[in-house]
C-alpha atoms as a PDB file:
ATOM      1  CA  MET A   1       0.116   0.013  -0.159  1.00  0.00           C
ATOM      2  CA  ASP A   2       1.540   3.321  -1.154  1.00  0.00           C
ATOM      3  CA  VAL A   3       1.103   6.399   0.936  1.00  0.00           C
ATOM      4  CA  PHE A   4      -1.823   7.733  -0.922  1.00  0.00           C
ATOM      5  CA  GLU A   5      -3.741   4.784  -0.773  1.00  0.00           C
ATOM      6  CA  ALA A   6      -2.787   4.890   3.093  1.00  0.00           C
ATOM      7  CA  VAL A   7      -3.981   8.450   3.689  1.00  0.00           C
ATOM      8  CA  ASP A   8      -7.077   7.798   1.627  1.00  0.00           C
ATOM      9  CA  SER A   9      -8.137   4.570   3.092  1.00  0.00           C
ATOM     10  CA  ARG A  10      -7.735   5.411   6.686  1.00  0.00           C
ATOM     11  CA  ILE A  11     -11.275   5.698   8.890  1.00  0.00           C
ATOM     12  CA  ALA A  12     -11.909   6.506  12.481  1.00  0.00           C
ATOM     13  CA  CYS A  13     -12.570   2.698  13.085  1.00  0.00           C
ATOM     14  CA  ARG A  14     -15.573   2.014  14.980  1.00  0.00           C
ATOM     15  CA  GLN A  15     -16.025  -1.754  15.060  1.00  0.00           C
ATOM     16  CA  PHE A  16     -12.964  -4.046  14.820  1.00  0.00           C
ATOM     17  CA  PHE A  17     -12.747  -8.159  14.751  1.00  0.00           C
ATOM     18  CA  ASP A  18     -11.998 -10.125  17.510  1.00  0.00           C
ATOM     19  CA  LYS A  19      -8.489 -10.722  15.831  1.00  0.00           C
ATOM     20  CA  PRO A  20      -5.236 -10.101  17.688  1.00  0.00           C
ATOM     21  CA  VAL A  21      -2.463  -8.061  16.434  1.00  0.00           C
ATOM     22  CA  ASP A  22       1.388  -9.439  16.236  1.00  0.00           C
ATOM     23  CA  PRO A  23       2.858  -7.293  19.110  1.00  0.00           C
ATOM     24  CA  LYS A  24       6.148  -6.868  16.858  1.00  0.00           C
ATOM     25  CA  ILE A  25       3.939  -4.787  14.522  1.00  0.00           C
ATOM     26  CA  VAL A  26       2.580  -2.954  17.506  1.00  0.00           C
ATOM     27  CA  LYS A  27       6.001  -2.133  18.528  1.00  0.00           C
ATOM     28  CA  ASP A  28       7.363  -1.156  15.071  1.00  0.00           C
ATOM     29  CA  LEU A  29       4.280   1.218  14.467  1.00  0.00           C
ATOM     30  CA  ILE A  30       4.725   3.059  17.788  1.00  0.00           C
ATOM     31  CA  ALA A  31       8.380   3.315  16.909  1.00  0.00           C
ATOM     32  CA  ARG A  32       8.131   4.198  13.236  1.00  0.00           C
ATOM     33  CA  ALA A  33       5.673   7.059  13.986  1.00  0.00           C
ATOM     34  CA  ALA A  34       8.379   8.968  15.769  1.00  0.00           C
ATOM     35  CA  ARG A  35       9.705   9.833  12.414  1.00  0.00           C
ATOM     36  CA  ALA A  36       6.838  12.344  12.271  1.00  0.00           C
ATOM     37  CA  ALA A  37       7.722  16.347  12.315  1.00  0.00           C
ATOM     38  CA  SER A  38       8.578  17.652  15.480  1.00  0.00           C
ATOM     39  CA  GLY A  39       9.563  21.230  15.930  1.00  0.00           C
ATOM     40  CA  GLY A  40      13.158  21.832  17.814  1.00  0.00           C
ATOM     41  CA  ASN A  41      12.901  17.724  17.441  1.00  0.00           C
ATOM     42  CA  LEU A  42      10.959  17.996  21.097  1.00  0.00           C
ATOM     43  CA  GLN A  43       8.991  14.585  20.162  1.00  0.00           C
ATOM     44  CA  SER A  44       6.372  15.472  22.722  1.00  0.00           C
ATOM     45  CA  TRP A  45       4.443  12.379  22.687  1.00  0.00           C
ATOM     46  CA  ASN A  46       4.362   9.803  25.331  1.00  0.00           C
ATOM     47  CA  VAL A  47       2.601   6.302  24.614  1.00  0.00           C
ATOM     48  CA  TYR A  48       1.383   3.658  27.231  1.00  0.00           C
ATOM     49  CA  ALA A  49       0.182   0.443  25.108  1.00  0.00           C
ATOM     50  CA  LEU A  50      -2.138  -2.252  26.398  1.00  0.00           C
ATOM     51  CA  THR A  51      -3.126  -5.446  25.382  1.00  0.00           C
ATOM     52  CA  GLY A  52      -4.253  -8.931  26.505  1.00  0.00           C
ATOM     53  CA  LYS A  53      -4.804  -9.315  30.289  1.00  0.00           C
ATOM     54  CA  PRO A  54      -3.825  -5.620  31.412  1.00  0.00           C
ATOM     55  CA  LEU A  55      -6.600  -3.932  28.975  1.00  0.00           C
ATOM     56  CA  ALA A  56      -9.217  -6.368  29.768  1.00  0.00           C
ATOM     57  CA  GLU A  57      -8.558  -5.580  33.514  1.00  0.00           C
ATOM     58  CA  PHE A  58      -8.700  -1.669  32.574  1.00  0.00           C
ATOM     59  CA  LYS A  59     -12.062  -2.085  30.727  1.00  0.00           C
ATOM     60  CA  ALA A  60     -13.508  -3.992  33.576  1.00  0.00           C
ATOM     61  CA  ILE A  61     -12.688  -0.878  35.858  1.00  0.00           C
ATOM     62  CA  VAL A  62     -13.855   1.271  33.244  1.00  0.00           C
ATOM     63  CA  GLN A  63     -17.215  -0.485  32.895  1.00  0.00           C
ATOM     64  CA  LYS A  64     -17.948  -0.211  36.486  1.00  0.00           C
ATOM     65  CA  ARG A  65     -17.197   3.586  36.294  1.00  0.00           C
ATOM     66  CA  ILE A  66     -19.287   4.365  33.335  1.00  0.00           C
ATOM     67  CA  ALA A  67     -21.991   2.027  34.867  1.00  0.00           C
ATOM     68  CA  ARG A  68     -22.245   4.732  37.529  1.00  0.00           C
ATOM     69  CA  GLU A  69     -22.030   8.024  35.715  1.00  0.00           C
ATOM     70  CA  ASP A  70     -22.531   9.587  32.190  1.00  0.00           C
ATOM     71  CA  PRO A  71     -19.062  10.018  30.869  1.00  0.00           C
ATOM     72  CA  ARG A  72     -20.140  12.798  28.744  1.00  0.00           C
ATOM     73  CA  HIS A  73     -20.549  15.107  31.757  1.00  0.00           C
ATOM     74  CA  SER A  74     -17.175  14.204  33.026  1.00  0.00           C
ATOM     75  CA  LYS A  75     -14.795  17.320  32.756  1.00  0.00           C
ATOM     76  CA  THR A  76     -11.745  17.327  30.810  1.00  0.00           C
ATOM     77  CA  LYS A  77      -8.246  18.974  31.328  1.00  0.00           C
ATOM     78  CA  TYR A  78      -8.534  20.649  28.062  1.00  0.00           C
ATOM     79  CA  GLN A  79     -11.132  21.593  26.019  1.00  0.00           C
ATOM     80  CA  VAL A  80     -11.866  19.306  23.307  1.00  0.00           C
ATOM     81  CA  TYR A  81     -14.390  21.287  21.073  1.00  0.00           C
ATOM     82  CA  PRO A  82     -15.281  25.410  21.249  1.00  0.00           C
ATOM     83  CA  ASP A  83     -17.911  26.402  23.489  1.00  0.00           C
ATOM     84  CA  PRO A  84     -20.405  27.286  21.662  1.00  0.00           C
ATOM     85  CA  MET A  85     -19.491  25.466  18.450  1.00  0.00           C
ATOM     86  CA  PHE A  86     -19.726  28.073  15.598  1.00  0.00           C
ATOM     87  CA  GLY A  87     -19.854  28.330  11.721  1.00  0.00           C
ATOM     88  CA  ALA A  88     -18.859  25.688   9.295  1.00  0.00           C
ATOM     89  CA  TYR A  89     -17.338  23.570  12.278  1.00  0.00           C
ATOM     90  CA  LYS A  90     -20.551  23.228  13.845  1.00  0.00           C
ATOM     91  CA  ASP A  91     -22.203  22.499  10.760  1.00  0.00           C
ATOM     92  CA  ARG A  92     -19.598  19.689   9.640  1.00  0.00           C
ATOM     93  CA  ARG A  93     -19.750  18.021  13.489  1.00  0.00           C
ATOM     94  CA  GLU A  94     -23.583  17.855  13.480  1.00  0.00           C
ATOM     95  CA  GLU A  95     -23.362  16.116   9.971  1.00  0.00           C
ATOM     96  CA  HIS A  96     -21.139  13.663  11.161  1.00  0.00           C
ATOM     97  CA  GLY A  97     -23.377  12.775  13.947  1.00  0.00           C
ATOM     98  CA  ILE A  98     -26.206  12.410  11.531  1.00  0.00           C
ATOM     99  CA  GLN A  99     -23.699  10.277   9.260  1.00  0.00           C
ATOM    100  CA  LEU A 100     -22.956   8.016  12.229  1.00  0.00           C
ATOM    101  CA  TYR A 101     -26.010   7.569  13.886  1.00  0.00           C
ATOM    102  CA  GLY A 102     -28.027   7.187  10.774  1.00  0.00           C
ATOM    103  CA  SER A 103     -25.798   4.353   9.794  1.00  0.00           C
ATOM    104  CA  LEU A 104     -26.627   2.834  12.791  1.00  0.00           C
ATOM    105  CA  GLY A 105     -30.132   3.310  12.679  1.00  0.00           C
ATOM    106  CA  ILE A 106     -29.944   5.425  15.978  1.00  0.00           C
ATOM    107  CA  ASP A 107     -32.617   8.350  16.187  1.00  0.00           C
ATOM    108  CA  ARG A 108     -31.863  11.468  17.072  1.00  0.00           C
ATOM    109  CA  SER A 109     -34.480  11.377  19.615  1.00  0.00           C
ATOM    110  CA  ASP A 110     -33.113   8.402  21.168  1.00  0.00           C
ATOM    111  CA  PRO A 111     -30.895   9.193  24.255  1.00  0.00           C
ATOM    112  CA  VAL A 112     -30.383   5.669  25.420  1.00  0.00           C
ATOM    113  CA  ALA A 113     -29.025   4.316  22.151  1.00  0.00           C
ATOM    114  CA  ARG A 114     -26.798   7.655  21.830  1.00  0.00           C
ATOM    115  CA  LEU A 115     -25.028   6.831  24.835  1.00  0.00           C
ATOM    116  CA  GLY A 116     -24.707   3.404  24.157  1.00  0.00           C
ATOM    117  CA  GLN A 117     -22.885   3.983  21.199  1.00  0.00           C
ATOM    118  CA  PHE A 118     -20.946   6.521  22.920  1.00  0.00           C
ATOM    119  CA  ASN A 119     -19.988   4.329  25.682  1.00  0.00           C
ATOM    120  CA  LYS A 120     -18.634   1.791  22.827  1.00  0.00           C
ATOM    121  CA  ASN A 121     -15.382   4.330  22.857  1.00  0.00           C
ATOM    122  CA  PHE A 122     -14.610   2.918  26.416  1.00  0.00           C
ATOM    123  CA  GLU A 123     -14.356  -0.403  24.960  1.00  0.00           C
ATOM    124  CA  PHE A 124     -12.091   0.260  22.249  1.00  0.00           C
ATOM    125  CA  PHE A 125     -14.587  -0.563  19.867  1.00  0.00           C
ATOM    126  CA  ASP A 126     -13.551  -4.577  20.736  1.00  0.00           C
ATOM    127  CA  ALA A 127      -9.750  -3.562  19.481  1.00  0.00           C
ATOM    128  CA  PRO A 128      -7.688  -5.788  20.737  1.00  0.00           C
ATOM    129  CA  VAL A 129      -4.669  -3.236  21.328  1.00  0.00           C
ATOM    130  CA  ALA A 130      -5.206   0.317  22.757  1.00  0.00           C
ATOM    131  CA  LEU A 131      -2.801   3.018  23.331  1.00  0.00           C
ATOM    132  CA  PHE A 132      -2.949   5.998  25.533  1.00  0.00           C
ATOM    133  CA  ILE A 133      -0.935   9.207  24.441  1.00  0.00           C
ATOM    134  CA  THR A 134       0.102  12.159  26.701  1.00  0.00           C
ATOM    135  CA  ILE A 135       1.614  15.006  26.770  1.00  0.00           C
ATOM    136  CA  ASP A 136       3.752  17.090  29.073  1.00  0.00           C
ATOM    137  CA  ARG A 137       1.413  19.864  30.540  1.00  0.00           C
ATOM    138  CA  ARG A 138       4.084  22.405  30.621  1.00  0.00           C
ATOM    139  CA  LEU A 139       4.344  22.330  26.659  1.00  0.00           C
ATOM    140  CA  GLY A 140       2.682  24.490  24.602  1.00  0.00           C
ATOM    141  CA  PRO A 141       0.721  24.700  21.375  1.00  0.00           C
ATOM    142  CA  GLY A 142       3.402  23.929  18.890  1.00  0.00           C
ATOM    143  CA  GLN A 143       4.363  20.926  20.618  1.00  0.00           C
ATOM    144  CA  TRP A 144       0.458  19.987  20.833  1.00  0.00           C
ATOM    145  CA  ALA A 145       0.450  20.309  16.904  1.00  0.00           C
ATOM    146  CA  ASP A 146       3.326  17.916  16.730  1.00  0.00           C
ATOM    147  CA  LEU A 147       1.553  15.406  18.945  1.00  0.00           C
ATOM    148  CA  GLY A 148      -1.254  15.485  16.184  1.00  0.00           C
ATOM    149  CA  GLY A 149       1.313  14.958  13.664  1.00  0.00           C
ATOM    150  CA  TYR A 150       2.710  11.820  15.634  1.00  0.00           C
ATOM    151  CA  ILE A 151      -1.043  10.462  15.922  1.00  0.00           C
ATOM    152  CA  HIS A 152      -1.668  10.826  11.904  1.00  0.00           C
ATOM    153  CA  ALA A 153       1.647   9.268  11.415  1.00  0.00           C
ATOM    154  CA  LEU A 154       0.367   5.906  13.529  1.00  0.00           C
ATOM    155  CA  ALA A 155      -2.898   5.986  11.848  1.00  0.00           C
ATOM    156  CA  PHE A 156      -1.370   6.022   8.265  1.00  0.00           C
ATOM    157  CA  LEU A 157       1.341   3.374   9.214  1.00  0.00           C
ATOM    158  CA  ALA A 158      -1.251   1.157  10.649  1.00  0.00           C
ATOM    159  CA  ARG A 159      -2.917   1.282   7.181  1.00  0.00           C
ATOM    160  CA  GLY A 160       0.385  -0.192   5.737  1.00  0.00           C
ATOM    161  CA  TYR A 161       0.084  -3.422   7.865  1.00  0.00           C
ATOM    162  CA  GLY A 162      -3.851  -3.723   6.930  1.00  0.00           C
ATOM    163  CA  LEU A 163      -4.678  -2.321  10.363  1.00  0.00           C
ATOM    164  CA  ASP A 164      -7.527   0.172  11.149  1.00  0.00           C
ATOM    165  CA  THR A 165      -7.024   2.722  14.120  1.00  0.00           C
ATOM    166  CA  CYS A 166      -9.470   5.202  15.702  1.00  0.00           C
ATOM    167  CA  PRO A 167      -7.970   8.194  18.232  1.00  0.00           C
ATOM    168  CA  GLN A 168     -10.316   8.677  20.464  1.00  0.00           C
ATOM    169  CA  GLU A 169     -10.662  11.798  22.669  1.00  0.00           C
ATOM    170  CA  ALA A 170     -13.626  10.796  24.476  1.00  0.00           C
ATOM    171  CA  TRP A 171     -11.069   9.010  26.764  1.00  0.00           C
ATOM    172  CA  ALA A 172      -9.881  12.782  28.221  1.00  0.00           C
ATOM    173  CA  ARG A 173     -13.176  12.420  29.923  1.00  0.00           C
ATOM    174  CA  LEU A 174     -12.015   9.838  32.111  1.00  0.00           C
ATOM    175  CA  TYR A 175      -8.419  11.030  32.584  1.00  0.00           C
ATOM    176  CA  ASP A 176      -8.312  10.333  36.005  1.00  0.00           C
ATOM    177  CA  THR A 177      -9.238   6.574  35.656  1.00  0.00           C
ATOM    178  CA  VAL A 178      -6.435   6.287  33.182  1.00  0.00           C
ATOM    179  CA  GLY A 179      -3.943   8.274  34.717  1.00  0.00           C
ATOM    180  CA  GLU A 180      -4.603   5.901  38.058  1.00  0.00           C
ATOM    181  CA  PHE A 181      -4.508   2.654  36.301  1.00  0.00           C
ATOM    182  CA  LEU A 182      -0.999   3.621  34.282  1.00  0.00           C
ATOM    183  CA  ARG A 183       0.118   5.465  37.279  1.00  0.00           C
ATOM    184  CA  LEU A 184       0.937   8.864  35.024  1.00  0.00           C
ATOM    185  CA  PRO A 185       3.306  11.094  36.357  1.00  0.00           C
ATOM    186  CA  ASP A 186       2.161  14.567  37.408  1.00  0.00           C
ATOM    187  CA  ASN A 187       3.253  16.256  34.533  1.00  0.00           C
ATOM    188  CA  GLU A 188       1.475  14.390  31.998  1.00  0.00           C
ATOM    189  CA  MET A 189      -1.719  15.179  30.726  1.00  0.00           C
ATOM    190  CA  LEU A 190      -3.912  12.404  28.903  1.00  0.00           C
ATOM    191  CA  PHE A 191      -4.833  13.705  25.244  1.00  0.00           C
ATOM    192  CA  CYS A 192      -6.665  10.572  23.881  1.00  0.00           C
ATOM    193  CA  GLY A 193      -6.930   6.759  23.711  1.00  0.00           C
ATOM    194  CA  PHE A 194      -6.110   5.043  20.534  1.00  0.00           C
ATOM    195  CA  ALA A 195      -7.695   1.916  19.014  1.00  0.00           C
ATOM    196  CA  ILE A 196      -5.685  -0.695  16.814  1.00  0.00           C
ATOM    197  CA  GLY A 197      -6.991  -3.705  15.252  1.00  0.00           C
ATOM    198  CA  TYR A 198      -8.221  -5.240  12.032  1.00  0.00           C
ATOM    199  CA  GLY A 199     -11.351  -3.344  11.103  1.00  0.00           C
ATOM    200  CA  ASP A 200     -14.793  -4.824  10.291  1.00  0.00           C
ATOM    201  CA  ARG A 201     -15.059  -2.591   7.155  1.00  0.00           C
ATOM    202  CA  LYS A 202     -18.780  -3.920   6.500  1.00  0.00           C
ATOM    203  CA  HIS A 203     -20.129  -3.040   9.812  1.00  0.00           C
ATOM    204  CA  LYS A 204     -22.627  -0.224   9.765  1.00  0.00           C
ATOM    205  CA  ALA A 205     -20.322   2.183  12.018  1.00  0.00           C
ATOM    206  CA  ASN A 206     -17.460   2.217   9.212  1.00  0.00           C
ATOM    207  CA  ASP A 207     -19.628   1.900   5.964  1.00  0.00           C
ATOM    208  CA  PHE A 208     -19.680   5.572   5.713  1.00  0.00           C
ATOM    209  CA  ARG A 209     -17.336   8.253   4.206  1.00  0.00           C
ATOM    210  CA  SER A 210     -17.064  11.296   6.063  1.00  0.00           C
ATOM    211  CA  PRO A 211     -16.999  14.031   3.480  1.00  0.00           C
ATOM    212  CA  ARG A 212     -14.321  16.981   3.342  1.00  0.00           C
ATOM    213  CA  ALA A 213     -14.429  20.446   2.233  1.00  0.00           C
ATOM    214  CA  GLU A 214     -13.838  21.447  -1.174  1.00  0.00           C
ATOM    215  CA  LEU A 215     -10.201  22.838  -1.749  1.00  0.00           C
ATOM    216  CA  SER A 216     -11.774  26.287  -2.159  1.00  0.00           C
ATOM    217  CA  GLU A 217     -13.001  26.435   1.215  1.00  0.00           C
ATOM    218  CA  PHE A 218     -10.049  25.983   3.023  1.00  0.00           C
ATOM    219  CA  CYS A 219      -7.004  27.018   0.632  1.00  0.00           C
ATOM    220  CA  LYS A 220      -6.131  30.514  -1.422  1.00  0.00           C
ATOM    221  CA  PHE A 221      -3.835  30.014  -4.089  1.00  0.00           C
ATOM    222  CA  TYR A 222      -1.115  32.630  -5.055  1.00  0.00           C
ATOM    223  CA  GLY A 223       0.915  32.387  -8.176  1.00  0.00           C
ATOM    224  CA  PHE A 224      -0.586  28.980  -9.556  1.00  0.00           C
ATOM    225  CA  ASP A 225      -2.098  30.385 -12.391  1.00  0.00           C
END
């Protein structure tokens, strides 16, 4: 698979097959993604990888927590989305929600089903490998941008192995549970979870393609005529 196909075929996979991933492949992905661009070569990412028994133990802890409370109401250590949402950003997010829940046959007026789907985040959509990615809280916007570059490098490299991924900022809502389980240092802030596995591309949660804005909506060209 060439790089163009890897980028074009990447999705935020929301259902995985029950098929293990070779640990050597996971380690290779994590290491190779570190070639992502990094201003000043700070390499502002930290990764915690779980599979097998540790992942099962962690998920059991999380399930007990979300049985007690709605995780959508839990506070995060950083603002995931602007409040209020506005303009084209608001429109795109709402359209994405319509696509996802519509593909699953979940009506907008069905809060129970919507919560059930949201909570699948906390099962990593049944992926066999889970990553947690953190950043030193003392770093700034430039390093947060580099962190995003690392995450995308992971996603594209995974396609080279025929794997799918799902970056999950939803985990930022359970940062305290994650931090306690992983014994995160005080200086590290959880940015996201990241599911890795063999995606079920025929599952309803994966059978739509989120649109992208037309080039003219986000880019202005000078001297290209």
